[in-house]
Each structure stands twice: as structure tokens, then as C-alpha cells.
């Protein structure tokens, strides 16, 4: 179960909270006025989350890039343009015109 503390408790016991989070790697939710305001996580968990986020971003970008290339090839084929014979500059010029 998640530990939840109000902001006053967190302020008064920050050193202990940091030690707990670092040791057991379970996040602590900090609330203010009965609303979640922040989450205290271990550094290792933070780094792991950052790496996972980067992997997801990279995968999303790669998928979008593939979809864009596929759509461009379909668009060019309908206009009898052989994409494989174009220079990179010609491809960018076509994209700019569209």
C-alpha cells in the first residue's frame, strides 16, 4: 500500500522519508489540502522511470517515422514519382511544397 503524508509531516520528517524511500523503493505521496501534490521516489526509481520514458519516446518516434515514410511513398507513387531516385534535397523540396 502506498504511503501518504501531508506536506507538514513531510517537511518535519524529510530525512526519514528520504531514507525510507531509498531503502524500500516505495514512493511516498505528499498531499496538501487533502490533494496529491507531489511524489517522493528513490533516485534509482527516478532514473529507471526516465530510461523507460526515453525508450517509449524513441519507439513512438520510430513508429511515426515509419508511418511518415510509408505515407510519403504512397503519395509519391500516386503521382508517378520514384522516391528511390530522388536525392535527399529533392525529397525535402517535395515535402515543403506539400
PDB file of N, CA and C in Angstrom:
ATOM      1  N   UNK A   1       0.843  -1.191   0.000  1.00  0.00           N
ATOM      2  CA  UNK A   1       0.000   0.000   0.000  1.00  0.00           C
ATOM      3  C   UNK A   1       0.886   1.251   0.000  1.00  0.00           C
ATOM      4  N   UNK A   2       0.431   2.254  -0.705  1.00  0.00           N
ATOM      5  CA  UNK A   2       1.185   3.500  -0.820  1.00  0.00           C
ATOM      6  C   UNK A   2       1.153   4.298   0.477  1.00  0.00           C
ATOM      7  N   UNK A   3       2.310   4.857   0.814  1.00  0.00           N
ATOM      8  CA  UNK A   3       2.356   5.731   1.977  1.00  0.00           C
ATOM      9  C   UNK A   3       1.969   7.134   1.532  1.00  0.00           C
ATOM     10  N   UNK A   4       1.094   7.752   2.304  1.00  0.00           N
ATOM     11  CA  UNK A   4       0.636   9.111   2.016  1.00  0.00           C
ATOM     12  C   UNK A   4       0.898   9.958   3.249  1.00  0.00           C
ATOM     13  N   UNK A   5       1.540  11.108   3.045  1.00  0.00           N
ATOM     14  CA  UNK A   5       1.791  12.024   4.159  1.00  0.00           C
ATOM     15  C   UNK A   5       1.409  13.431   3.738  1.00  0.00           C
ATOM     16  N   UNK A   6       0.988  14.224   4.719  1.00  0.00           N
ATOM     17  CA  UNK A   6       0.697  15.615   4.365  1.00  0.00           C
ATOM     18  C   UNK A   6       2.006  16.396   4.319  1.00  0.00           C
ATOM     19  N   UNK A   7       1.940  17.549   3.730  1.00  0.00           N
ATOM     20  CA  UNK A   7       3.155  18.326   3.471  1.00  0.00           C
ATOM     21  C   UNK A   7       3.871  18.742   4.764  1.00  0.00           C
ATOM     22  N   UNK A   8       3.117  18.988   5.825  1.00  0.00           N
ATOM     23  CA  UNK A   8       3.742  19.363   7.100  1.00  0.00           C
ATOM     24  C   UNK A   8       4.546  18.194   7.659  1.00  0.00           C
ATOM     25  N   UNK A   9       3.948  16.990   7.631  1.00  0.00           N
ATOM     26  CA  UNK A   9       4.676  15.800   8.088  1.00  0.00           C
ATOM     27  C   UNK A   9       5.926  15.577   7.245  1.00  0.00           C
ATOM     28  N   UNK A  10       5.787  15.743   5.933  1.00  0.00           N
ATOM     29  CA  UNK A  10       6.926  15.547   5.032  1.00  0.00           C
ATOM     30  C   UNK A  10       8.047  16.527   5.365  1.00  0.00           C
ATOM     31  N   UNK A  11       7.690  17.769   5.587  1.00  0.00           N
ATOM     32  CA  UNK A  11       8.687  18.795   5.915  1.00  0.00           C
ATOM     33  C   UNK A  11       9.391  18.451   7.230  1.00  0.00           C
ATOM     34  N   UNK A  12       8.616  18.049   8.231  1.00  0.00           N
ATOM     35  CA  UNK A  12       9.180  17.767   9.552  1.00  0.00           C
ATOM     36  C   UNK A  12      10.001  16.477   9.596  1.00  0.00           C
ATOM     37  N   UNK A  13       9.726  15.560   8.674  1.00  0.00           N
ATOM     38  CA  UNK A  13      10.375  14.246   8.730  1.00  0.00           C
ATOM     39  C   UNK A  13      11.037  13.881   7.397  1.00  0.00           C
ATOM     40  N   UNK A  14      11.492  14.895   6.669  1.00  0.00           N
ATOM     41  CA  UNK A  14      12.021  14.673   5.326  1.00  0.00           C
ATOM     42  C   UNK A  14      13.194  13.692   5.299  1.00  0.00           C
ATOM     43  N   UNK A  15      14.129  13.849   6.203  1.00  0.00           N
ATOM     44  CA  UNK A  15      15.303  12.971   6.213  1.00  0.00           C
ATOM     45  C   UNK A  15      14.890  11.507   6.358  1.00  0.00           C
ATOM     46  N   UNK A  16      13.975  11.245   7.281  1.00  0.00           N
ATOM     47  CA  UNK A  16      13.491   9.884   7.499  1.00  0.00           C
ATOM     48  C   UNK A  16      12.731   9.369   6.275  1.00  0.00           C
ATOM     49  N   UNK A  17      11.904  10.214   5.675  1.00  0.00           N
ATOM     50  CA  UNK A  17      11.151   9.809   4.480  1.00  0.00           C
ATOM     51  C   UNK A  17      12.094   9.451   3.333  1.00  0.00           C
ATOM     52  N   UNK A  18      13.113  10.266   3.139  1.00  0.00           N
ATOM     53  CA  UNK A  18      14.087  10.005   2.072  1.00  0.00           C
ATOM     54  C   UNK A  18      14.782   8.667   2.324  1.00  0.00           C
ATOM     55  N   UNK A  19      15.155   8.406   3.550  1.00  0.00           N
ATOM     56  CA  UNK A  19      15.805   7.129   3.885  1.00  0.00           C
ATOM     57  C   UNK A  19      14.885   5.951   3.600  1.00  0.00           C
ATOM     58  N   UNK A  20      13.613   6.075   3.999  1.00  0.00           N
ATOM     59  CA  UNK A  20      12.637   5.005   3.760  1.00  0.00           C
ATOM     60  C   UNK A  20      12.454   4.742   2.272  1.00  0.00           C
ATOM     61  N   UNK A  21      12.270   5.812   1.528  1.00  0.00           N
ATOM     62  CA  UNK A  21      12.038   5.687   0.085  1.00  0.00           C
ATOM     63  C   UNK A  21      13.253   5.065  -0.587  1.00  0.00           C
ATOM     64  N   UNK A  22      14.426   5.489  -0.183  1.00  0.00           N
ATOM     65  CA  UNK A  22      15.657   4.961  -0.761  1.00  0.00           C
ATOM     66  C   UNK A  22      15.831   3.484  -0.426  1.00  0.00           C
ATOM     67  N   UNK A  23      15.481   3.117   0.802  1.00  0.00           N
ATOM     68  CA  UNK A  23      15.673   1.741   1.262  1.00  0.00           C
ATOM     69  C   UNK A  23      14.669   0.774   0.638  1.00  0.00           C
ATOM     70  N   UNK A  24      13.379   1.099   0.717  1.00  0.00           N
ATOM     71  CA  UNK A  24      12.368   0.140   0.255  1.00  0.00           C
ATOM     72  C   UNK A  24      11.843   0.419  -1.153  1.00  0.00           C
ATOM     73  N   UNK A  25      12.307   1.511  -1.733  1.00  0.00           N
ATOM     74  CA  UNK A  25      11.962   1.892  -3.115  1.00  0.00           C
ATOM     75  C   UNK A  25      10.458   1.982  -3.366  1.00  0.00           C
ATOM     76  N   UNK A  26       9.724   2.328  -2.338  1.00  0.00           N
ATOM     77  CA  UNK A  26       8.285   2.567  -2.491  1.00  0.00           C
ATOM     78  C   UNK A  26       8.044   4.067  -2.403  1.00  0.00           C
ATOM     79  N   UNK A  27       7.321   4.629  -3.368  1.00  0.00           N
ATOM     80  CA  UNK A  27       7.093   6.078  -3.370  1.00  0.00           C
ATOM     81  C   UNK A  27       6.218   6.534  -2.208  1.00  0.00           C
ATOM     82  N   UNK A  28       6.388   7.792  -1.848  1.00  0.00           N
ATOM     83  CA  UNK A  28       5.558   8.426  -0.824  1.00  0.00           C
ATOM     84  C   UNK A  28       4.808   9.572  -1.494  1.00  0.00           C
ATOM     85  N   UNK A  29       3.496   9.555  -1.366  1.00  0.00           N
ATOM     86  CA  UNK A  29       2.666  10.620  -1.926  1.00  0.00           C
ATOM     87  C   UNK A  29       2.546  11.726  -0.889  1.00  0.00           C
ATOM     88  N   UNK A  30       2.800  12.953  -1.314  1.00  0.00           N
ATOM     89  CA  UNK A  30       2.706  14.108  -0.416  1.00  0.00           C
ATOM     90  C   UNK A  30       1.466  14.899  -0.804  1.00  0.00           C
ATOM     91  N   UNK A  31       0.604  15.127   0.199  1.00  0.00           N
ATOM     92  CA  UNK A  31      -0.643  15.847  -0.067  1.00  0.00           C
ATOM     93  C   UNK A  31      -0.628  17.219   0.595  1.00  0.00           C
ATOM     94  N   UNK A  32      -1.371  18.123  -0.024  1.00  0.00           N
ATOM     95  CA  UNK A  32      -1.582  19.460   0.539  1.00  0.00           C
ATOM     96  C   UNK A  32      -3.071  19.748   0.380  1.00  0.00           C
ATOM     97  N   UNK A  33      -3.698  20.160   1.452  1.00  0.00           N
ATOM     98  CA  UNK A  33      -5.144  20.417   1.437  1.00  0.00           C
ATOM     99  C   UNK A  33      -5.911  19.203   0.908  1.00  0.00           C
ATOM    100  N   UNK A  34      -5.502  18.027   1.355  1.00  0.00           N
ATOM    101  CA  UNK A  34      -6.132  16.750   1.012  1.00  0.00           C
ATOM    102  C   UNK A  34      -6.037  16.384  -0.468  1.00  0.00           C
ATOM    103  N   UNK A  35      -5.131  17.027  -1.195  1.00  0.00           N
ATOM    104  CA  UNK A  35      -4.959  16.722  -2.620  1.00  0.00           C
ATOM    105  C   UNK A  35      -3.514  16.302  -2.870  1.00  0.00           C
ATOM    106  N   UNK A  36      -3.309  15.255  -3.685  1.00  0.00           N
ATOM    107  CA  UNK A  36      -1.937  14.867  -4.028  1.00  0.00           C
ATOM    108  C   UNK A  36      -1.204  16.027  -4.684  1.00  0.00           C
ATOM    109  N   UNK A  37      -0.011  16.309  -4.194  1.00  0.00           N
ATOM    110  CA  UNK A  37       0.752  17.465  -4.683  1.00  0.00           C
ATOM    111  C   UNK A  37       2.083  17.029  -5.296  1.00  0.00           C
ATOM    112  N   UNK A  38       2.685  15.970  -4.735  1.00  0.00           N
ATOM    113  CA  UNK A  38       3.987  15.515  -5.222  1.00  0.00           C
ATOM    114  C   UNK A  38       4.189  14.058  -4.814  1.00  0.00           C
ATOM    115  N   UNK A  39       5.209  13.455  -5.418  1.00  0.00           N
ATOM    116  CA  UNK A  39       5.573  12.082  -5.069  1.00  0.00           C
ATOM    117  C   UNK A  39       7.079  12.044  -4.842  1.00  0.00           C
ATOM    118  N   UNK A  40       7.471  11.465  -3.732  1.00  0.00           N
ATOM    119  CA  UNK A  40       8.884  11.291  -3.415  1.00  0.00           C
ATOM    120  C   UNK A  40       9.266   9.868  -3.817  1.00  0.00           C
ATOM    121  N   UNK A  41      10.237   9.752  -4.738  1.00  0.00           N
ATOM    122  CA  UNK A  41      10.685   8.435  -5.192  1.00  0.00           C
ATOM    123  C   UNK A  41      12.198   8.334  -5.022  1.00  0.00           C
ATOM    124  N   UNK A  42      12.685   7.100  -4.963  1.00  0.00           N
ATOM    125  CA  UNK A  42      14.133   6.904  -4.854  1.00  0.00           C
ATOM    126  C   UNK A  42      14.802   7.349  -6.150  1.00  0.00           C
ATOM    127  N   UNK A  43      16.070   7.683  -6.036  1.00  0.00           N
ATOM    128  CA  UNK A  43      16.826   8.112  -7.212  1.00  0.00           C
ATOM    129  C   UNK A  43      16.859   6.991  -8.256  1.00  0.00           C
ATOM    130  N   UNK A  44      17.060   5.753  -7.800  1.00  0.00           N
ATOM    131  CA  UNK A  44      17.102   4.621  -8.723  1.00  0.00           C
ATOM    132  C   UNK A  44      15.783   4.484  -9.481  1.00  0.00           C
ATOM    133  N   UNK A  45      14.679   4.668  -8.765  1.00  0.00           N
ATOM    134  CA  UNK A  45      13.357   4.584  -9.396  1.00  0.00           C
ATOM    135  C   UNK A  45      13.177   5.720 -10.397  1.00  0.00           C
ATOM    136  N   UNK A  46      13.629   6.899 -10.038  1.00  0.00           N
ATOM    137  CA  UNK A  46      13.540   8.053 -10.934  1.00  0.00           C
ATOM    138  C   UNK A  46      14.311   7.787 -12.227  1.00  0.00           C
ATOM    139  N   UNK A  47      15.551   7.308 -12.096  1.00  0.00           N
ATOM    140  CA  UNK A  47      16.383   7.017 -13.270  1.00  0.00           C
ATOM    141  C   UNK A  47      15.731   5.929 -14.122  1.00  0.00           C
ATOM    142  N   UNK A  48      15.240   4.900 -13.476  1.00  0.00           N
ATOM    143  CA  UNK A  48      14.569   3.815 -14.194  1.00  0.00           C
ATOM    144  C   UNK A  48      13.361   4.340 -14.974  1.00  0.00           C
ATOM    145  N   UNK A  49      12.578   5.206 -14.327  1.00  0.00           N
ATOM    146  CA  UNK A  49      11.414   5.797 -14.998  1.00  0.00           C
ATOM    147  C   UNK A  49      11.832   6.662 -16.180  1.00  0.00           C
ATOM    148  N   UNK A  50      12.920   7.423 -16.006  1.00  0.00           N
ATOM    149  CA  UNK A  50      13.416   8.274 -17.091  1.00  0.00           C
ATOM    150  C   UNK A  50      13.853   7.425 -18.282  1.00  0.00           C
ATOM    151  N   UNK A  51      14.560   6.331 -18.001  1.00  0.00           N
ATOM    152  CA  UNK A  51      15.018   5.445 -19.074  1.00  0.00           C
ATOM    153  C   UNK A  51      13.838   4.813 -19.793  1.00  0.00           C
ATOM    154  N   UNK A  52      12.844   4.389 -19.031  1.00  0.00           N
ATOM    155  CA  UNK A  52      11.646   3.786 -19.627  1.00  0.00           C
ATOM    156  C   UNK A  52      10.900   4.802 -20.481  1.00  0.00           C
ATOM    157  N   UNK A  53      10.799   6.020 -19.997  1.00  0.00           N
ATOM    158  CA  UNK A  53      10.150   7.086 -20.764  1.00  0.00           C
ATOM    159  C   UNK A  53      10.886   7.339 -22.073  1.00  0.00           C
ATOM    160  N   UNK A  54      12.209   7.341 -22.015  1.00  0.00           N
ATOM    161  CA  UNK A  54      13.010   7.559 -23.224  1.00  0.00           C
ATOM    162  C   UNK A  54      12.794   6.432 -24.222  1.00  0.00           C
ATOM    163  N   UNK A  55      12.762   5.187 -23.735  1.00  0.00           N
ATOM    164  CA  UNK A  55      12.514   4.047 -24.623  1.00  0.00           C
ATOM    165  C   UNK A  55      11.159   4.183 -25.304  1.00  0.00           C
ATOM    166  N   UNK A  56      10.144   4.548 -24.527  1.00  0.00           N
ATOM    167  CA  UNK A  56       8.803   4.719 -25.097  1.00  0.00           C
ATOM    168  C   UNK A  56       8.781   5.842 -26.123  1.00  0.00           C
ATOM    169  N   UNK A  57       9.452   6.953 -25.819  1.00  0.00           N
ATOM    170  CA  UNK A  57       9.524   8.078 -26.750  1.00  0.00           C
ATOM    171  C   UNK A  57      10.232   7.652 -28.034  1.00  0.00           C
ATOM    172  N   UNK A  58      11.373   6.965 -27.884  1.00  0.00           N
ATOM    173  CA  UNK A  58      12.126   6.519 -29.053  1.00  0.00           C
ATOM    174  C   UNK A  58      11.283   5.589 -29.924  1.00  0.00           C
ATOM    175  N   UNK A  59      10.559   4.666 -29.292  1.00  0.00           N
ATOM    176  CA  UNK A  59       9.712   3.733 -30.038  1.00  0.00           C
ATOM    177  C   UNK A  59       8.581   4.477 -30.743  1.00  0.00           C
ATOM    178  N   UNK A  60       7.963   5.418 -30.054  1.00  0.00           N
ATOM    179  CA  UNK A  60       6.892   6.212 -30.659  1.00  0.00           C
ATOM    180  C   UNK A  60       7.418   7.005 -31.842  1.00  0.00           C
ATOM    181  N   UNK A  61       8.578   7.625 -31.678  1.00  0.00           N
ATOM    182  CA  UNK A  61       9.178   8.411 -32.756  1.00  0.00           C
ATOM    183  C   UNK A  61       9.501   7.521 -33.952  1.00  0.00           C
ATOM    184  N   UNK A  62      10.068   6.352 -33.672  1.00  0.00           N
ATOM    185  CA  UNK A  62      10.409   5.418 -34.745  1.00  0.00           C
ATOM    186  C   UNK A  62       9.155   4.986 -35.508  1.00  0.00           C
ATOM    187  N   UNK A  63       8.081   4.689 -34.779  1.00  0.00           N
ATOM    188  CA  UNK A  63       6.823   4.296 -35.425  1.00  0.00           C
ATOM    189  C   UNK A  63       6.258   5.423 -36.276  1.00  0.00           C
ATOM    190  N   UNK A  64       6.293   6.645 -35.759  1.00  0.00           N
ATOM    191  CA  UNK A  64       5.804   7.794 -36.529  1.00  0.00           C
ATOM    192  C   UNK A  64       6.644   8.015 -37.781  1.00  0.00           C
ATOM    193  N   UNK A  65       7.942   7.829 -37.643  1.00  0.00           N
ATOM    194  CA  UNK A  65       8.844   7.991 -38.784  1.00  0.00           C
ATOM    195  C   UNK A  65       8.524   6.951 -39.862  1.00  0.00           C
ATOM    196  N   UNK A  66       8.306   5.702 -39.461  1.00  0.00           N
ATOM    197  CA  UNK A  66       7.954   4.642 -40.416  1.00  0.00           C
ATOM    198  C   UNK A  66       6.635   4.959 -41.114  1.00  0.00           C
ATOM    199  N   UNK A  67       5.644   5.389 -40.333  1.00  0.00           N
ATOM    200  CA  UNK A  67       4.343   5.741 -40.902  1.00  0.00           C
ATOM    201  C   UNK A  67       4.477   6.898 -41.889  1.00  0.00           C
ATOM    202  N   UNK A  68       5.292   7.885 -41.538  1.00  0.00           N
ATOM    203  CA  UNK A  68       5.506   9.032 -42.417  1.00  0.00           C
ATOM    204  C   UNK A  68       6.164   8.629 -43.724  1.00  0.00           C
ATOM    205  N   UNK A  69       7.179   7.768 -43.636  1.00  0.00           N
ATOM    206  CA  UNK A  69       7.862   7.295 -44.845  1.00  0.00           C
ATOM    207  C   UNK A  69       6.897   6.511 -45.735  1.00  0.00           C
ATOM    208  N   UNK A  70       6.092   5.656 -45.104  1.00  0.00           N
ATOM    209  CA  UNK A  70       5.128   4.854 -45.857  1.00  0.00           C
ATOM    210  C   UNK A  70       4.109   5.760 -46.544  1.00  0.00           C
ATOM    211  N   UNK A  71       3.586   6.721 -45.810  1.00  0.00           N
ATOM    212  CA  UNK A  71       2.599   7.650 -46.381  1.00  0.00           C
ATOM    213  C   UNK A  71       3.213   8.460 -47.522  1.00  0.00           C
ATOM    214  N   UNK A  72       4.473   8.868 -47.360  1.00  0.00           N
ATOM    215  CA  UNK A  72       5.146   9.637 -48.417  1.00  0.00           C
ATOM    216  C   UNK A  72       5.317   8.785 -49.671  1.00  0.00           C
ATOM    217  N   UNK A  73       5.698   7.529 -49.498  1.00  0.00           N
ATOM    218  CA  UNK A  73       5.863   6.639 -50.651  1.00  0.00           C
ATOM    219  C   UNK A  73       4.531   6.443 -51.379  1.00  0.00           C
ATOM    220  N   UNK A  74       3.460   6.267 -50.634  1.00  0.00           N
ATOM    221  CA  UNK A  74       2.130   6.114 -51.248  1.00  0.00           C
ATOM    222  C   UNK A  74       1.759   7.382 -52.001  1.00  0.00           C
ATOM    223  N   UNK A  75       1.968   8.523 -51.369  1.00  0.00           N
ATOM    224  CA  UNK A  75       1.667   9.814 -52.001  1.00  0.00           C
ATOM    225  C   UNK A  75       2.465   9.979 -53.289  1.00  0.00           C
ATOM    226  N   UNK A  76       3.766   9.663 -53.231  1.00  0.00           N
ATOM    227  CA  UNK A  76       4.640   9.821 -54.398  1.00  0.00           C
ATOM    228  C   UNK A  76       4.256   8.846 -55.512  1.00  0.00           C
ATOM    229  N   UNK A  77       3.916   7.629 -55.143  1.00  0.00           N
ATOM    230  CA  UNK A  77       3.539   6.621 -56.145  1.00  0.00           C
ATOM    231  C   UNK A  77       2.306   7.064 -56.930  1.00  0.00           C
ATOM    232  N   UNK A  78       1.333   7.664 -56.239  1.00  0.00           N
ATOM    233  CA  UNK A  78       0.117   8.159 -56.906  1.00  0.00           C
ATOM    234  C   UNK A  78       0.445   9.244 -57.923  1.00  0.00           C
ATOM    235  N   UNK A  79       1.585   9.879 -57.750  1.00  0.00           N
ATOM    236  CA  UNK A  79       1.994  10.970 -58.647  1.00  0.00           C
ATOM    237  C   UNK A  79       3.126  10.532 -59.583  1.00  0.00           C
ATOM    238  N   UNK A  80       3.319   9.214 -59.677  1.00  0.00           N
ATOM    239  CA  UNK A  80       4.358   8.628 -60.533  1.00  0.00           C
ATOM    240  C   UNK A  80       5.753   9.176 -60.230  1.00  0.00           C
ATOM    241  N   UNK A  81       6.042   9.359 -58.958  1.00  0.00           N
ATOM    242  CA  UNK A  81       7.362   9.823 -58.531  1.00  0.00           C
ATOM    243  C   UNK A  81       8.098   8.632 -57.925  1.00  0.00           C
ATOM    244  N   UNK A  82       9.265   8.324 -58.465  1.00  0.00           N
ATOM    245  CA  UNK A  82      10.085   7.233 -57.937  1.00  0.00           C
ATOM    246  C   UNK A  82      10.955   7.784 -56.805  1.00  0.00           C
ATOM    247  N   UNK A  83      10.531   7.542 -55.601  1.00  0.00           N
ATOM    248  CA  UNK A  83      11.202   8.077 -54.410  1.00  0.00           C
ATOM    249  C   UNK A  83      12.651   7.608 -54.323  1.00  0.00           C
ATOM    250  N   UNK A  84      12.915   6.384 -54.767  1.00  0.00           N
ATOM    251  CA  UNK A  84      14.271   5.834 -54.660  1.00  0.00           C
ATOM    252  C   UNK A  84      15.279   6.560 -55.545  1.00  0.00           C
ATOM    253  N   UNK A  85      14.800   7.282 -56.543  1.00  0.00           N
ATOM    254  CA  UNK A  85      15.700   8.008 -57.443  1.00  0.00           C
ATOM    255  C   UNK A  85      15.905   9.464 -57.022  1.00  0.00           C
ATOM    256  N   UNK A  86      15.187   9.892 -55.990  1.00  0.00           N
ATOM    257  CA  UNK A  86      15.290  11.279 -55.537  1.00  0.00           C
ATOM    258  C   UNK A  86      16.473  11.461 -54.590  1.00  0.00           C
ATOM    259  N   UNK A  87      17.071  12.631 -54.645  1.00  0.00           N
ATOM    260  CA  UNK A  87      18.087  12.976 -53.651  1.00  0.00           C
ATOM    261  C   UNK A  87      17.363  13.396 -52.373  1.00  0.00           C
ATOM    262  N   UNK A  88      18.105  13.458 -51.315  1.00  0.00           N
ATOM    263  CA  UNK A  88      17.514  13.898 -50.044  1.00  0.00           C
ATOM    264  C   UNK A  88      16.956  15.316 -50.179  1.00  0.00           C
ATOM    265  N   UNK A  89      17.690  16.160 -50.882  1.00  0.00           N
ATOM    266  CA  UNK A  89      17.251  17.545 -51.081  1.00  0.00           C
ATOM    267  C   UNK A  89      15.940  17.596 -51.868  1.00  0.00           C
ATOM    268  N   UNK A  90      15.809  16.747 -52.880  1.00  0.00           N
ATOM    269  CA  UNK A  90      14.572  16.710 -53.677  1.00  0.00           C
ATOM    270  C   UNK A  90      13.389  16.227 -52.836  1.00  0.00           C
ATOM    271  N   UNK A  91      13.651  15.280 -51.967  1.00  0.00           N
ATOM    272  CA  UNK A  91      12.590  14.793 -51.072  1.00  0.00           C
ATOM    273  C   UNK A  91      12.114  15.928 -50.175  1.00  0.00           C
ATOM    274  N   UNK A  92      13.059  16.666 -49.575  1.00  0.00           N
ATOM    275  CA  UNK A  92      12.686  17.786 -48.704  1.00  0.00           C
ATOM    276  C   UNK A  92      11.939  18.867 -49.481  1.00  0.00           C
ATOM    277  N   UNK A  93      12.361  19.119 -50.719  1.00  0.00           N
ATOM    278  CA  UNK A  93      11.657  20.103 -51.554  1.00  0.00           C
ATOM    279  C   UNK A  93      10.213  19.679 -51.800  1.00  0.00           C
ATOM    280  N   UNK A  94      10.011  18.393 -52.086  1.00  0.00           N
ATOM    281  CA  UNK A  94       8.648  17.883 -52.293  1.00  0.00           C
ATOM    282  C   UNK A  94       7.806  18.045 -51.031  1.00  0.00           C
ATOM    283  N   UNK A  95       8.392  17.690 -49.912  1.00  0.00           N
ATOM    284  CA  UNK A  95       7.672  17.794 -48.635  1.00  0.00           C
ATOM    285  C   UNK A  95       7.305  19.244 -48.351  1.00  0.00           C
ATOM    286  N   UNK A  96       8.232  20.161 -48.615  1.00  0.00           N
ATOM    287  CA  UNK A  96       7.957  21.588 -48.393  1.00  0.00           C
ATOM    288  C   UNK A  96       6.816  22.086 -49.274  1.00  0.00           C
ATOM    289  N   UNK A  97       6.737  21.582 -50.502  1.00  0.00           N
ATOM    290  CA  UNK A  97       5.696  22.025 -51.432  1.00  0.00           C
ATOM    291  C   UNK A  97       4.318  21.522 -51.029  1.00  0.00           C
ATOM    292  N   UNK A  98       4.294  20.375 -50.374  1.00  0.00           N
ATOM    293  CA  UNK A  98       3.018  19.794 -49.957  1.00  0.00           C
ATOM    294  C   UNK A  98       2.579  20.503 -48.718  1.00  0.00           C
TER     295      UNK A  98
END
